[in-house]
PDB file of all heavy atoms in Angstrom:
ATOM      1  N   TYR A   1      42.511 -14.800  33.420  1.00  0.00           N
ATOM      2  CA  TYR A   1      43.154 -13.553  33.852  1.00  0.00           C
ATOM      3  C   TYR A   1      42.851 -13.283  35.319  1.00  0.00           C
ATOM      4  O   TYR A   1      43.757 -12.974  36.109  1.00  0.00           O
ATOM      5  CB  TYR A   1      42.649 -12.422  32.947  1.00  0.00           C
ATOM      6  CG  TYR A   1      42.998 -11.026  33.374  1.00  0.00           C
ATOM      7  CD1 TYR A   1      44.292 -10.544  33.256  1.00  0.00           C
ATOM      8  CD2 TYR A   1      42.018 -10.174  33.860  1.00  0.00           C
ATOM      9  CE1 TYR A   1      44.605  -9.248  33.619  1.00  0.00           C
ATOM     10  CE2 TYR A   1      42.321  -8.880  34.222  1.00  0.00           C
ATOM     11  CZ  TYR A   1      43.608  -8.412  34.113  1.00  0.00           C
ATOM     12  OH  TYR A   1      43.923  -7.130  34.469  1.00  0.00           O
ATOM     13  N   CYS A   2      41.599 -13.420  35.707  1.00  0.00           N
ATOM     14  CA  CYS A   2      41.197 -13.177  37.099  1.00  0.00           C
ATOM     15  C   CYS A   2      41.831 -14.199  38.041  1.00  0.00           C
ATOM     16  O   CYS A   2      42.298 -13.847  39.125  1.00  0.00           O
ATOM     17  CB  CYS A   2      39.679 -13.214  37.222  1.00  0.00           C
ATOM     18  SG  CYS A   2      38.854 -11.808  36.464  1.00  0.00           S
ATOM     19  N   ARG A   3      41.864 -15.465  37.630  1.00  0.00           N
ATOM     20  CA  ARG A   3      42.458 -16.497  38.475  1.00  0.00           C
ATOM     21  C   ARG A   3      43.956 -16.269  38.683  1.00  0.00           C
ATOM     22  O   ARG A   3      44.473 -16.497  39.780  1.00  0.00           O
ATOM     23  CB  ARG A   3      42.195 -17.880  37.884  1.00  0.00           C
ATOM     24  CG  ARG A   3      40.772 -18.351  38.089  1.00  0.00           C
ATOM     25  CD  ARG A   3      40.570 -19.792  37.661  1.00  0.00           C
ATOM     26  NE  ARG A   3      40.823 -20.004  36.236  1.00  0.00           N
ATOM     27  CZ  ARG A   3      39.934 -19.806  35.276  1.00  0.00           C
ATOM     28  NH1 ARG A   3      38.716 -19.390  35.575  1.00  0.00           N
ATOM     29  NH2 ARG A   3      40.244 -20.022  34.005  1.00  0.00           N
ATOM     30  N   VAL A   4      44.641 -15.801  37.656  1.00  0.00           N
ATOM     31  CA  VAL A   4      46.081 -15.519  37.793  1.00  0.00           C
ATOM     32  C   VAL A   4      46.309 -14.418  38.821  1.00  0.00           C
ATOM     33  O   VAL A   4      47.196 -14.525  39.674  1.00  0.00           O
ATOM     34  CB  VAL A   4      46.703 -15.140  36.430  1.00  0.00           C
ATOM     35  CG1 VAL A   4      48.074 -14.508  36.598  1.00  0.00           C
ATOM     36  CG2 VAL A   4      46.788 -16.353  35.533  1.00  0.00           C
ATOM     37  N   ILE A   5      45.516 -13.383  38.770  1.00  0.00           N
ATOM     38  CA  ILE A   5      45.669 -12.280  39.730  1.00  0.00           C
ATOM     39  C   ILE A   5      45.441 -12.778  41.144  1.00  0.00           C
ATOM     40  O   ILE A   5      46.234 -12.510  42.050  1.00  0.00           O
ATOM     41  CB  ILE A   5      44.695 -11.126  39.382  1.00  0.00           C
ATOM     42  CG1 ILE A   5      45.123 -10.458  38.077  1.00  0.00           C
ATOM     43  CG2 ILE A   5      44.652 -10.097  40.523  1.00  0.00           C
ATOM     44  CD1 ILE A   5      44.121  -9.468  37.531  1.00  0.00           C
ATOM     45  N   ALA A   6      44.357 -13.524  41.345  1.00  0.00           N
ATOM     46  CA  ALA A   6      44.052 -14.032  42.687  1.00  0.00           C
ATOM     47  C   ALA A   6      45.094 -15.055  43.137  1.00  0.00           C
ATOM     48  O   ALA A   6      45.479 -15.088  44.311  1.00  0.00           O
ATOM     49  CB  ALA A   6      42.658 -14.643  42.710  1.00  0.00           C
ATOM     50  N   ARG A   7      45.575 -15.873  42.225  1.00  0.00           N
ATOM     51  CA  ARG A   7      46.542 -16.933  42.563  1.00  0.00           C
ATOM     52  C   ARG A   7      47.872 -16.341  43.018  1.00  0.00           C
ATOM     53  O   ARG A   7      48.575 -16.940  43.831  1.00  0.00           O
ATOM     54  CB  ARG A   7      46.758 -17.833  41.341  1.00  0.00           C
ATOM     55  CG  ARG A   7      47.621 -19.018  41.594  1.00  0.00           C
ATOM     56  CD  ARG A   7      46.875 -20.063  42.405  1.00  0.00           C
ATOM     57  NE  ARG A   7      47.719 -21.233  42.562  1.00  0.00           N
ATOM     58  CZ  ARG A   7      48.031 -21.763  43.719  1.00  0.00           C
ATOM     59  NH1 ARG A   7      47.554 -21.263  44.826  1.00  0.00           N
ATOM     60  NH2 ARG A   7      48.798 -22.808  43.789  1.00  0.00           N
ATOM     61  N   ARG A   8      48.228 -15.177  42.524  1.00  0.00           N
ATOM     62  CA  ARG A   8      49.473 -14.539  42.945  1.00  0.00           C
ATOM     63  C   ARG A   8      49.383 -13.999  44.373  1.00  0.00           C
ATOM     64  O   ARG A   8      50.401 -13.714  44.995  1.00  0.00           O
ATOM     65  CB  ARG A   8      49.846 -13.410  41.986  1.00  0.00           C
ATOM     66  CG  ARG A   8      50.298 -13.938  40.650  1.00  0.00           C
ATOM     67  CD  ARG A   8      50.698 -12.847  39.721  1.00  0.00           C
ATOM     68  NE  ARG A   8      51.167 -13.433  38.463  1.00  0.00           N
ATOM     69  CZ  ARG A   8      51.493 -12.733  37.415  1.00  0.00           C
ATOM     70  NH1 ARG A   8      51.405 -11.417  37.443  1.00  0.00           N
ATOM     71  NH2 ARG A   8      51.891 -13.336  36.313  1.00  0.00           N
ATOM     72  N   ILE A   9      48.170 -13.860  44.877  1.00  0.00           N
ATOM     73  CA  ILE A   9      47.956 -13.345  46.228  1.00  0.00           C
ATOM     74  C   ILE A   9      47.625 -14.469  47.204  1.00  0.00           C
ATOM     75  O   ILE A   9      48.074 -14.454  48.346  1.00  0.00           O
ATOM     76  CB  ILE A   9      46.835 -12.282  46.220  1.00  0.00           C
ATOM     77  CG1 ILE A   9      47.249 -11.099  45.342  1.00  0.00           C
ATOM     78  CG2 ILE A   9      46.494 -11.817  47.630  1.00  0.00           C
ATOM     79  CD1 ILE A   9      46.147 -10.128  45.018  1.00  0.00           C
ATOM     80  N   LEU A  10      46.854 -15.442  46.746  1.00  0.00           N
ATOM     81  CA  LEU A  10      46.351 -16.510  47.611  1.00  0.00           C
ATOM     82  C   LEU A  10      46.977 -17.855  47.262  1.00  0.00           C
ATOM     83  O   LEU A  10      47.230 -18.145  46.100  1.00  0.00           O
ATOM     84  CB  LEU A  10      44.826 -16.613  47.472  1.00  0.00           C
ATOM     85  CG  LEU A  10      44.050 -15.348  47.811  1.00  0.00           C
ATOM     86  CD1 LEU A  10      42.617 -15.475  47.341  1.00  0.00           C
ATOM     87  CD2 LEU A  10      44.106 -15.076  49.302  1.00  0.00           C
ATOM     88  N   ALA A  11      47.171 -18.682  48.267  1.00  0.00           N
ATOM     89  CA  ALA A  11      47.756 -20.004  48.051  1.00  0.00           C
ATOM     90  C   ALA A  11      46.690 -21.082  47.852  1.00  0.00           C
ATOM     91  O   ALA A  11      46.929 -22.061  47.158  1.00  0.00           O
ATOM     92  CB  ALA A  11      48.644 -20.380  49.234  1.00  0.00           C
ATOM     93  N   ASN A  12      45.533 -20.887  48.427  1.00  0.00           N
ATOM     94  CA  ASN A  12      44.482 -21.900  48.402  1.00  0.00           C
ATOM     95  C   ASN A  12      43.629 -21.761  47.134  1.00  0.00           C
ATOM     96  O   ASN A  12      43.065 -20.694  46.875  1.00  0.00           O
ATOM     97  CB  ASN A  12      43.619 -21.749  49.654  1.00  0.00           C
ATOM     98  CG  ASN A  12      42.600 -22.844  49.806  1.00  0.00           C
ATOM     99  OD1 ASN A  12      41.986 -23.282  48.839  1.00  0.00           O
ATOM    100  ND2 ASN A  12      42.411 -23.276  51.044  1.00  0.00           N
ATOM    101  N   LEU A  13      43.523 -22.836  46.365  1.00  0.00           N
ATOM    102  CA  LEU A  13      42.755 -22.788  45.115  1.00  0.00           C
ATOM    103  C   LEU A  13      41.266 -22.542  45.353  1.00  0.00           C
ATOM    104  O   LEU A  13      40.602 -21.911  44.528  1.00  0.00           O
ATOM    105  CB  LEU A  13      42.954 -24.071  44.317  1.00  0.00           C
ATOM    106  CG  LEU A  13      44.350 -24.249  43.719  1.00  0.00           C
ATOM    107  CD1 LEU A  13      44.459 -25.586  42.999  1.00  0.00           C
ATOM    108  CD2 LEU A  13      44.682 -23.123  42.771  1.00  0.00           C
ATOM    109  N   ARG A  14      40.742 -23.022  46.464  1.00  0.00           N
ATOM    110  CA  ARG A  14      39.329 -22.754  46.779  1.00  0.00           C
ATOM    111  C   ARG A  14      39.102 -21.272  47.037  1.00  0.00           C
ATOM    112  O   ARG A  14      38.081 -20.716  46.651  1.00  0.00           O
ATOM    113  CB  ARG A  14      38.875 -23.568  47.981  1.00  0.00           C
ATOM    114  CG  ARG A  14      38.692 -25.021  47.668  1.00  0.00           C
ATOM    115  CD  ARG A  14      38.097 -25.756  48.816  1.00  0.00           C
ATOM    116  NE  ARG A  14      38.024 -27.175  48.501  1.00  0.00           N
ATOM    117  CZ  ARG A  14      37.544 -28.075  49.302  1.00  0.00           C
ATOM    118  NH1 ARG A  14      37.092 -27.724  50.482  1.00  0.00           N
ATOM    119  NH2 ARG A  14      37.501 -29.335  48.941  1.00  0.00           N
ATOM    120  N   ASP A  15      40.066 -20.628  47.697  1.00  0.00           N
ATOM    121  CA  ASP A  15      39.969 -19.185  47.922  1.00  0.00           C
ATOM    122  C   ASP A  15      40.023 -18.427  46.599  1.00  0.00           C
ATOM    123  O   ASP A  15      39.316 -17.435  46.416  1.00  0.00           O
ATOM    124  CB  ASP A  15      41.087 -18.701  48.845  1.00  0.00           C
ATOM    125  CG  ASP A  15      40.885 -19.119  50.292  1.00  0.00           C
ATOM    126  OD1 ASP A  15      39.757 -19.511  50.653  1.00  0.00           O
ATOM    127  OD2 ASP A  15      41.869 -19.058  51.057  1.00  0.00           O
ATOM    128  N   VAL A  16      40.864 -18.899  45.679  1.00  0.00           N
ATOM    129  CA  VAL A  16      40.967 -18.274  44.360  1.00  0.00           C
ATOM    130  C   VAL A  16      39.626 -18.373  43.633  1.00  0.00           C
ATOM    131  O   VAL A  16      39.135 -17.390  43.068  1.00  0.00           O
ATOM    132  CB  VAL A  16      42.097 -18.921  43.528  1.00  0.00           C
ATOM    133  CG1 VAL A  16      42.057 -18.453  42.079  1.00  0.00           C
ATOM    134  CG2 VAL A  16      43.451 -18.623  44.154  1.00  0.00           C
ATOM    135  N   GLU A  17      39.027 -19.558  43.664  1.00  0.00           N
ATOM    136  CA  GLU A  17      37.741 -19.755  43.007  1.00  0.00           C
ATOM    137  C   GLU A  17      36.649 -18.896  43.647  1.00  0.00           C
ATOM    138  O   GLU A  17      35.829 -18.292  42.952  1.00  0.00           O
ATOM    139  CB  GLU A  17      37.352 -21.234  43.108  1.00  0.00           C
ATOM    140  CG  GLU A  17      36.067 -21.581  42.400  1.00  0.00           C
ATOM    141  CD  GLU A  17      35.758 -23.057  42.513  1.00  0.00           C
ATOM    142  OE1 GLU A  17      36.631 -23.871  42.158  1.00  0.00           O
ATOM    143  OE2 GLU A  17      34.642 -23.384  42.962  1.00  0.00           O
ATOM    144  N   GLU A  18      36.675 -18.803  44.965  1.00  0.00           N
ATOM    145  CA  GLU A  18      35.701 -17.967  45.674  1.00  0.00           C
ATOM    146  C   GLU A  18      35.871 -16.492  45.290  1.00  0.00           C
ATOM    147  O   GLU A  18      34.877 -15.790  45.049  1.00  0.00           O
ATOM    148  CB  GLU A  18      35.884 -18.141  47.178  1.00  0.00           C
ATOM    149  CG  GLU A  18      34.907 -17.357  48.016  1.00  0.00           C
ATOM    150  CD  GLU A  18      35.146 -17.546  49.503  1.00  0.00           C
ATOM    151  OE1 GLU A  18      35.695 -18.580  49.913  1.00  0.00           O
ATOM    152  OE2 GLU A  18      34.771 -16.634  50.253  1.00  0.00           O
ATOM    153  N   CYS A  19      37.104 -16.040  45.209  1.00  0.00           N
ATOM    154  CA  CYS A  19      37.368 -14.650  44.822  1.00  0.00           C
ATOM    155  C   CYS A  19      36.915 -14.379  43.397  1.00  0.00           C
ATOM    156  O   CYS A  19      36.371 -13.304  43.106  1.00  0.00           O
ATOM    157  CB  CYS A  19      38.851 -14.328  44.971  1.00  0.00           C
ATOM    158  SG  CYS A  19      39.383 -14.177  46.675  1.00  0.00           S
ATOM    159  N   GLU A  20      37.129 -15.345  42.512  1.00  0.00           N
ATOM    160  CA  GLU A  20      36.698 -15.179  41.124  1.00  0.00           C
ATOM    161  C   GLU A  20      35.175 -15.004  41.061  1.00  0.00           C
ATOM    162  O   GLU A  20      34.675 -14.092  40.405  1.00  0.00           O
ATOM    163  CB  GLU A  20      37.129 -16.380  40.294  1.00  0.00           C
ATOM    164  CG  GLU A  20      36.724 -16.265  38.836  1.00  0.00           C
ATOM    165  CD  GLU A  20      37.046 -17.511  38.031  1.00  0.00           C
ATOM    166  OE1 GLU A  20      37.509 -18.520  38.593  1.00  0.00           O
ATOM    167  OE2 GLU A  20      36.804 -17.468  36.810  1.00  0.00           O
ATOM    168  N   ASN A  21      34.461 -15.855  41.769  1.00  0.00           N
ATOM    169  CA  ASN A  21      33.004 -15.745  41.782  1.00  0.00           C
ATOM    170  C   ASN A  21      32.537 -14.442  42.420  1.00  0.00           C
ATOM    171  O   ASN A  21      31.592 -13.806  41.938  1.00  0.00           O
ATOM    172  CB  ASN A  21      32.389 -16.951  42.501  1.00  0.00           C
ATOM    173  CG  ASN A  21      32.560 -18.223  41.717  1.00  0.00           C
ATOM    174  OD1 ASN A  21      32.605 -18.209  40.491  1.00  0.00           O
ATOM    175  ND2 ASN A  21      32.670 -19.336  42.418  1.00  0.00           N
ATOM    176  N   ASP A  22      33.211 -14.032  43.494  1.00  0.00           N
ATOM    177  CA  ASP A  22      32.872 -12.760  44.140  1.00  0.00           C
ATOM    178  C   ASP A  22      33.136 -11.581  43.207  1.00  0.00           C
ATOM    179  O   ASP A  22      32.399 -10.587  43.221  1.00  0.00           O
ATOM    180  CB  ASP A  22      33.664 -12.583  45.430  1.00  0.00           C
ATOM    181  CG  ASP A  22      33.198 -13.510  46.550  1.00  0.00           C
ATOM    182  OD1 ASP A  22      32.119 -14.137  46.401  1.00  0.00           O
ATOM    183  OD2 ASP A  22      33.925 -13.623  47.563  1.00  0.00           O
ATOM    184  N   ALA A  23      34.160 -11.683  42.377  1.00  0.00           N
ATOM    185  CA  ALA A  23      34.467 -10.613  41.419  1.00  0.00           C
ATOM    186  C   ALA A  23      33.362 -10.489  40.380  1.00  0.00           C
ATOM    187  O   ALA A  23      32.977  -9.375  40.003  1.00  0.00           O
ATOM    188  CB  ALA A  23      35.811 -10.863  40.756  1.00  0.00           C
ATOM    189  N   TYR A  24      32.842 -11.620  39.909  1.00  0.00           N
ATOM    190  CA  TYR A  24      31.741 -11.566  38.941  1.00  0.00           C
ATOM    191  C   TYR A  24      30.498 -10.950  39.576  1.00  0.00           C
ATOM    192  O   TYR A  24      29.801 -10.156  38.944  1.00  0.00           O
ATOM    193  CB  TYR A  24      31.423 -12.956  38.390  1.00  0.00           C
ATOM    194  CG  TYR A  24      32.566 -13.596  37.650  1.00  0.00           C
ATOM    195  CD1 TYR A  24      32.822 -14.950  37.766  1.00  0.00           C
ATOM    196  CD2 TYR A  24      33.415 -12.851  36.837  1.00  0.00           C
ATOM    197  CE1 TYR A  24      33.871 -15.553  37.087  1.00  0.00           C
ATOM    198  CE2 TYR A  24      34.464 -13.435  36.159  1.00  0.00           C
ATOM    199  CZ  TYR A  24      34.693 -14.789  36.289  1.00  0.00           C
ATOM    200  OH  TYR A  24      35.733 -15.374  35.617  1.00  0.00           O
ATOM    201  N   LEU A  25      30.240 -11.303  40.826  1.00  0.00           N
ATOM    202  CA  LEU A  25      29.090 -10.714  41.528  1.00  0.00           C
ATOM    203  C   LEU A  25      29.290  -9.214  41.716  1.00  0.00           C
ATOM    204  O   LEU A  25      28.360  -8.426  41.511  1.00  0.00           O
ATOM    205  CB  LEU A  25      28.895 -11.398  42.884  1.00  0.00           C
ATOM    206  CG  LEU A  25      27.765 -10.832  43.741  1.00  0.00           C
ATOM    207  CD1 LEU A  25      26.410 -10.997  43.050  1.00  0.00           C
ATOM    208  CD2 LEU A  25      27.753 -11.502  45.101  1.00  0.00           C
ATOM    209  N   ALA A  26      30.505  -8.810  42.066  1.00  0.00           N
ATOM    210  CA  ALA A  26      30.788  -7.379  42.238  1.00  0.00           C
ATOM    211  C   ALA A  26      30.623  -6.626  40.922  1.00  0.00           C
ATOM    212  O   ALA A  26      30.078  -5.519  40.897  1.00  0.00           O
ATOM    213  CB  ALA A  26      32.200  -7.180  42.786  1.00  0.00           C
ATOM    214  N   ALA A  27      31.066  -7.232  39.831  1.00  0.00           N
ATOM    215  CA  ALA A  27      30.876  -6.593  38.521  1.00  0.00           C
ATOM    216  C   ALA A  27      29.384  -6.478  38.213  1.00  0.00           C
ATOM    217  O   ALA A  27      28.931  -5.444  37.723  1.00  0.00           O
ATOM    218  CB  ALA A  27      31.590  -7.393  37.432  1.00  0.00           C
ATOM    219  N   TRP A  28      28.636  -7.520  38.499  1.00  0.00           N
ATOM    220  CA  TRP A  28      27.182  -7.517  38.272  1.00  0.00           C
ATOM    221  C   TRP A  28      26.518  -6.386  39.058  1.00  0.00           C
ATOM    222  O   TRP A  28      25.633  -5.700  38.550  1.00  0.00           O
ATOM    223  CB  TRP A  28      26.606  -8.866  38.671  1.00  0.00           C
ATOM    224  CG  TRP A  28      25.134  -8.974  38.503  1.00  0.00           C
ATOM    225  CD1 TRP A  28      24.168  -8.764  39.451  1.00  0.00           C
ATOM    226  CD2 TRP A  28      24.424  -9.315  37.312  1.00  0.00           C
ATOM    227  NE1 TRP A  28      22.929  -8.965  38.930  1.00  0.00           N
ATOM    228  CE2 TRP A  28      23.055  -9.308  37.608  1.00  0.00           C
ATOM    229  CE3 TRP A  28      24.834  -9.631  36.015  1.00  0.00           C
ATOM    230  CZ2 TRP A  28      22.077  -9.596  36.669  1.00  0.00           C
ATOM    231  CZ3 TRP A  28      23.860  -9.930  35.090  1.00  0.00           C
ATOM    232  CH2 TRP A  28      22.500  -9.905  35.401  1.00  0.00           C
ATOM    233  N   ASN A  29      26.953  -6.203  40.299  1.00  0.00           N
ATOM    234  CA  ASN A  29      26.349  -5.181  41.158  1.00  0.00           C
ATOM    235  C   ASN A  29      26.837  -3.770  40.842  1.00  0.00           C
ATOM    236  O   ASN A  29      26.189  -2.795  41.205  1.00  0.00           O
ATOM    237  CB  ASN A  29      26.629  -5.498  42.633  1.00  0.00           C
ATOM    238  CG  ASN A  29      25.876  -6.715  43.104  1.00  0.00           C
ATOM    239  OD1 ASN A  29      24.807  -7.042  42.597  1.00  0.00           O
ATOM    240  ND2 ASN A  29      26.427  -7.408  44.074  1.00  0.00           N
ATOM    241  N   THR A  30      27.958  -3.655  40.150  1.00  0.00           N
ATOM    242  CA  THR A  30      28.555  -2.346  39.877  1.00  0.00           C
ATOM    243  C   THR A  30      28.186  -1.796  38.503  1.00  0.00           C
ATOM    244  O   THR A  30      28.124  -0.585  38.311  1.00  0.00           O
ATOM    245  CB  THR A  30      30.083  -2.444  40.014  1.00  0.00           C
ATOM    246  OG1 THR A  30      30.392  -2.993  41.293  1.00  0.00           O
ATOM    247  CG2 THR A  30      30.731  -1.093  39.902  1.00  0.00           C
ATOM    248  N   ILE A  31      27.956  -2.697  37.545  1.00  0.00           N
ATOM    249  CA  ILE A  31      27.602  -2.262  36.183  1.00  0.00           C
ATOM    250  C   ILE A  31      26.109  -2.457  35.993  1.00  0.00           C
ATOM    251  O   ILE A  31      25.658  -3.601  36.013  1.00  0.00           O
ATOM    252  CB  ILE A  31      28.352  -3.098  35.117  1.00  0.00           C
ATOM    253  CG1 ILE A  31      29.848  -3.068  35.342  1.00  0.00           C
ATOM    254  CG2 ILE A  31      28.004  -2.603  33.721  1.00  0.00           C
ATOM    255  CD1 ILE A  31      30.618  -4.034  34.458  1.00  0.00           C
ATOM    256  N   PRO A  32      25.305  -1.522  35.677  1.00  0.00           N
ATOM    257  CA  PRO A  32      25.462  -0.106  35.952  1.00  0.00           C
ATOM    258  C   PRO A  32      25.367   0.158  37.451  1.00  0.00           C
ATOM    259  O   PRO A  32      24.945  -0.729  38.160  1.00  0.00           O
ATOM    260  CB  PRO A  32      24.317   0.532  35.179  1.00  0.00           C
ATOM    261  CG  PRO A  32      23.258  -0.517  35.123  1.00  0.00           C
ATOM    262  CD  PRO A  32      23.979  -1.832  35.167  1.00  0.00           C
ATOM    263  N   PRO A  33      25.660   1.272  37.966  1.00  0.00           N
ATOM    264  CA  PRO A  33      25.781   2.588  37.355  1.00  0.00           C
ATOM    265  C   PRO A  33      27.154   2.869  36.749  1.00  0.00           C
ATOM    266  O   PRO A  33      27.254   3.715  35.875  1.00  0.00           O
ATOM    267  CB  PRO A  33      25.497   3.548  38.495  1.00  0.00           C
ATOM    268  CG  PRO A  33      25.967   2.842  39.711  1.00  0.00           C
ATOM    269  CD  PRO A  33      25.691   1.376  39.437  1.00  0.00           C
ATOM    270  N   GLN A  34      28.206   2.201  37.219  1.00  0.00           N
ATOM    271  CA  GLN A  34      29.517   2.455  36.618  1.00  0.00           C
ATOM    272  C   GLN A  34      29.620   1.727  35.281  1.00  0.00           C
ATOM    273  O   GLN A  34      29.157   0.608  35.148  1.00  0.00           O
ATOM    274  CB  GLN A  34      30.639   1.957  37.529  1.00  0.00           C
ATOM    275  CG  GLN A  34      30.823   2.756  38.779  1.00  0.00           C
ATOM    276  CD  GLN A  34      32.023   2.264  39.577  1.00  0.00           C
ATOM    277  OE1 GLN A  34      32.676   1.294  39.214  1.00  0.00           O
ATOM    278  NE2 GLN A  34      32.309   2.948  40.667  1.00  0.00           N
ATOM    279  N   ILE A  35      30.209   2.391  34.324  1.00  0.00           N
ATOM    280  CA  ILE A  35      30.456   1.800  33.016  1.00  0.00           C
ATOM    281  C   ILE A  35      31.971   1.806  32.811  1.00  0.00           C
ATOM    282  O   ILE A  35      32.573   2.865  32.621  1.00  0.00           O
ATOM    283  CB  ILE A  35      29.765   2.605  31.885  1.00  0.00           C
ATOM    284  CG1 ILE A  35      28.285   2.799  32.182  1.00  0.00           C
ATOM    285  CG2 ILE A  35      29.988   1.929  30.540  1.00  0.00           C
ATOM    286  CD1 ILE A  35      27.477   1.530  32.267  1.00  0.00           C
ATOM    287  N   PRO A  36      32.611   0.625  32.875  1.00  0.00           N
ATOM    288  CA  PRO A  36      34.075   0.601  32.747  1.00  0.00           C
ATOM    289  C   PRO A  36      34.528   0.918  31.327  1.00  0.00           C
ATOM    290  O   PRO A  36      33.911   0.489  30.358  1.00  0.00           O
ATOM    291  CB  PRO A  36      34.438  -0.832  33.127  1.00  0.00           C
ATOM    292  CG  PRO A  36      33.213  -1.627  32.888  1.00  0.00           C
ATOM    293  CD  PRO A  36      32.055  -0.694  33.102  1.00  0.00           C
ATOM    294  N   ARG A  37      35.595   1.704  31.236  1.00  0.00           N
ATOM    295  CA  ARG A  37      36.169   1.990  29.914  1.00  0.00           C
ATOM    296  C   ARG A  37      36.988   0.805  29.426  1.00  0.00           C
ATOM    297  O   ARG A  37      37.009   0.523  28.238  1.00  0.00           O
ATOM    298  CB  ARG A  37      37.044   3.242  29.985  1.00  0.00           C
ATOM    299  CG  ARG A  37      36.217   4.514  30.016  1.00  0.00           C
ATOM    300  CD  ARG A  37      37.088   5.725  29.909  1.00  0.00           C
ATOM    301  NE  ARG A  37      37.391   6.140  31.287  1.00  0.00           N
ATOM    302  CZ  ARG A  37      38.478   6.761  31.660  1.00  0.00           C
ATOM    303  NH1 ARG A  37      39.396   7.068  30.786  1.00  0.00           N
ATOM    304  NH2 ARG A  37      38.663   7.102  32.910  1.00  0.00           N
ATOM    305  N   LYS A  38      37.656   0.133  30.337  1.00  0.00           N
ATOM    306  CA  LYS A  38      38.481  -1.037  30.004  1.00  0.00           C
ATOM    307  C   LYS A  38      38.085  -2.148  30.964  1.00  0.00           C
ATOM    308  O   LYS A  38      38.428  -2.123  32.142  1.00  0.00           O
ATOM    309  CB  LYS A  38      39.959  -0.660  30.144  1.00  0.00           C
ATOM    310  CG  LYS A  38      40.904  -1.710  29.720  1.00  0.00           C
ATOM    311  CD  LYS A  38      41.331  -1.502  28.294  1.00  0.00           C
ATOM    312  CE  LYS A  38      42.495  -2.443  28.001  1.00  0.00           C
ATOM    313  NZ  LYS A  38      42.371  -3.082  26.738  1.00  0.00           N
ATOM    314  N   LEU A  39      37.354  -3.128  30.468  1.00  0.00           N
ATOM    315  CA  LEU A  39      36.785  -4.176  31.307  1.00  0.00           C
ATOM    316  C   LEU A  39      37.866  -4.999  32.005  1.00  0.00           C
ATOM    317  O   LEU A  39      37.714  -5.357  33.175  1.00  0.00           O
ATOM    318  CB  LEU A  39      35.862  -5.078  30.486  1.00  0.00           C
ATOM    319  CG  LEU A  39      35.039  -6.098  31.262  1.00  0.00           C
ATOM    320  CD1 LEU A  39      34.157  -5.429  32.307  1.00  0.00           C
ATOM    321  CD2 LEU A  39      34.189  -6.927  30.307  1.00  0.00           C
ATOM    322  N   SER A  40      38.970  -5.275  31.341  1.00  0.00           N
ATOM    323  CA  SER A  40      40.024  -6.085  31.961  1.00  0.00           C
ATOM    324  C   SER A  40      40.615  -5.389  33.188  1.00  0.00           C
ATOM    325  O   SER A  40      40.825  -6.025  34.227  1.00  0.00           O
ATOM    326  CB  SER A  40      41.124  -6.400  30.953  1.00  0.00           C
ATOM    327  OG  SER A  40      41.722  -5.220  30.482  1.00  0.00           O
ATOM    328  N   ILE A  41      40.852  -4.107  33.092  1.00  0.00           N
ATOM    329  CA  ILE A  41      41.396  -3.354  34.221  1.00  0.00           C
ATOM    330  C   ILE A  41      40.368  -3.278  35.339  1.00  0.00           C
ATOM    331  O   ILE A  41      40.702  -3.438  36.520  1.00  0.00           O
ATOM    332  CB  ILE A  41      41.847  -1.953  33.777  1.00  0.00           C
ATOM    333  CG1 ILE A  41      43.024  -2.083  32.814  1.00  0.00           C
ATOM    334  CG2 ILE A  41      42.205  -1.079  34.965  1.00  0.00           C
ATOM    335  CD1 ILE A  41      43.415  -0.798  32.136  1.00  0.00           C
TER     336      ILE A  41
END
């Protein structure tokens, strides 16, 4: 799901992979204190 979102914006597969990893790090740093009601969104 995350790769599809990034792939629609970026052409380079390495950039997509980098964004995916950065998203996991951002989620790690954000939860807690934020608790998402819908994790996919």
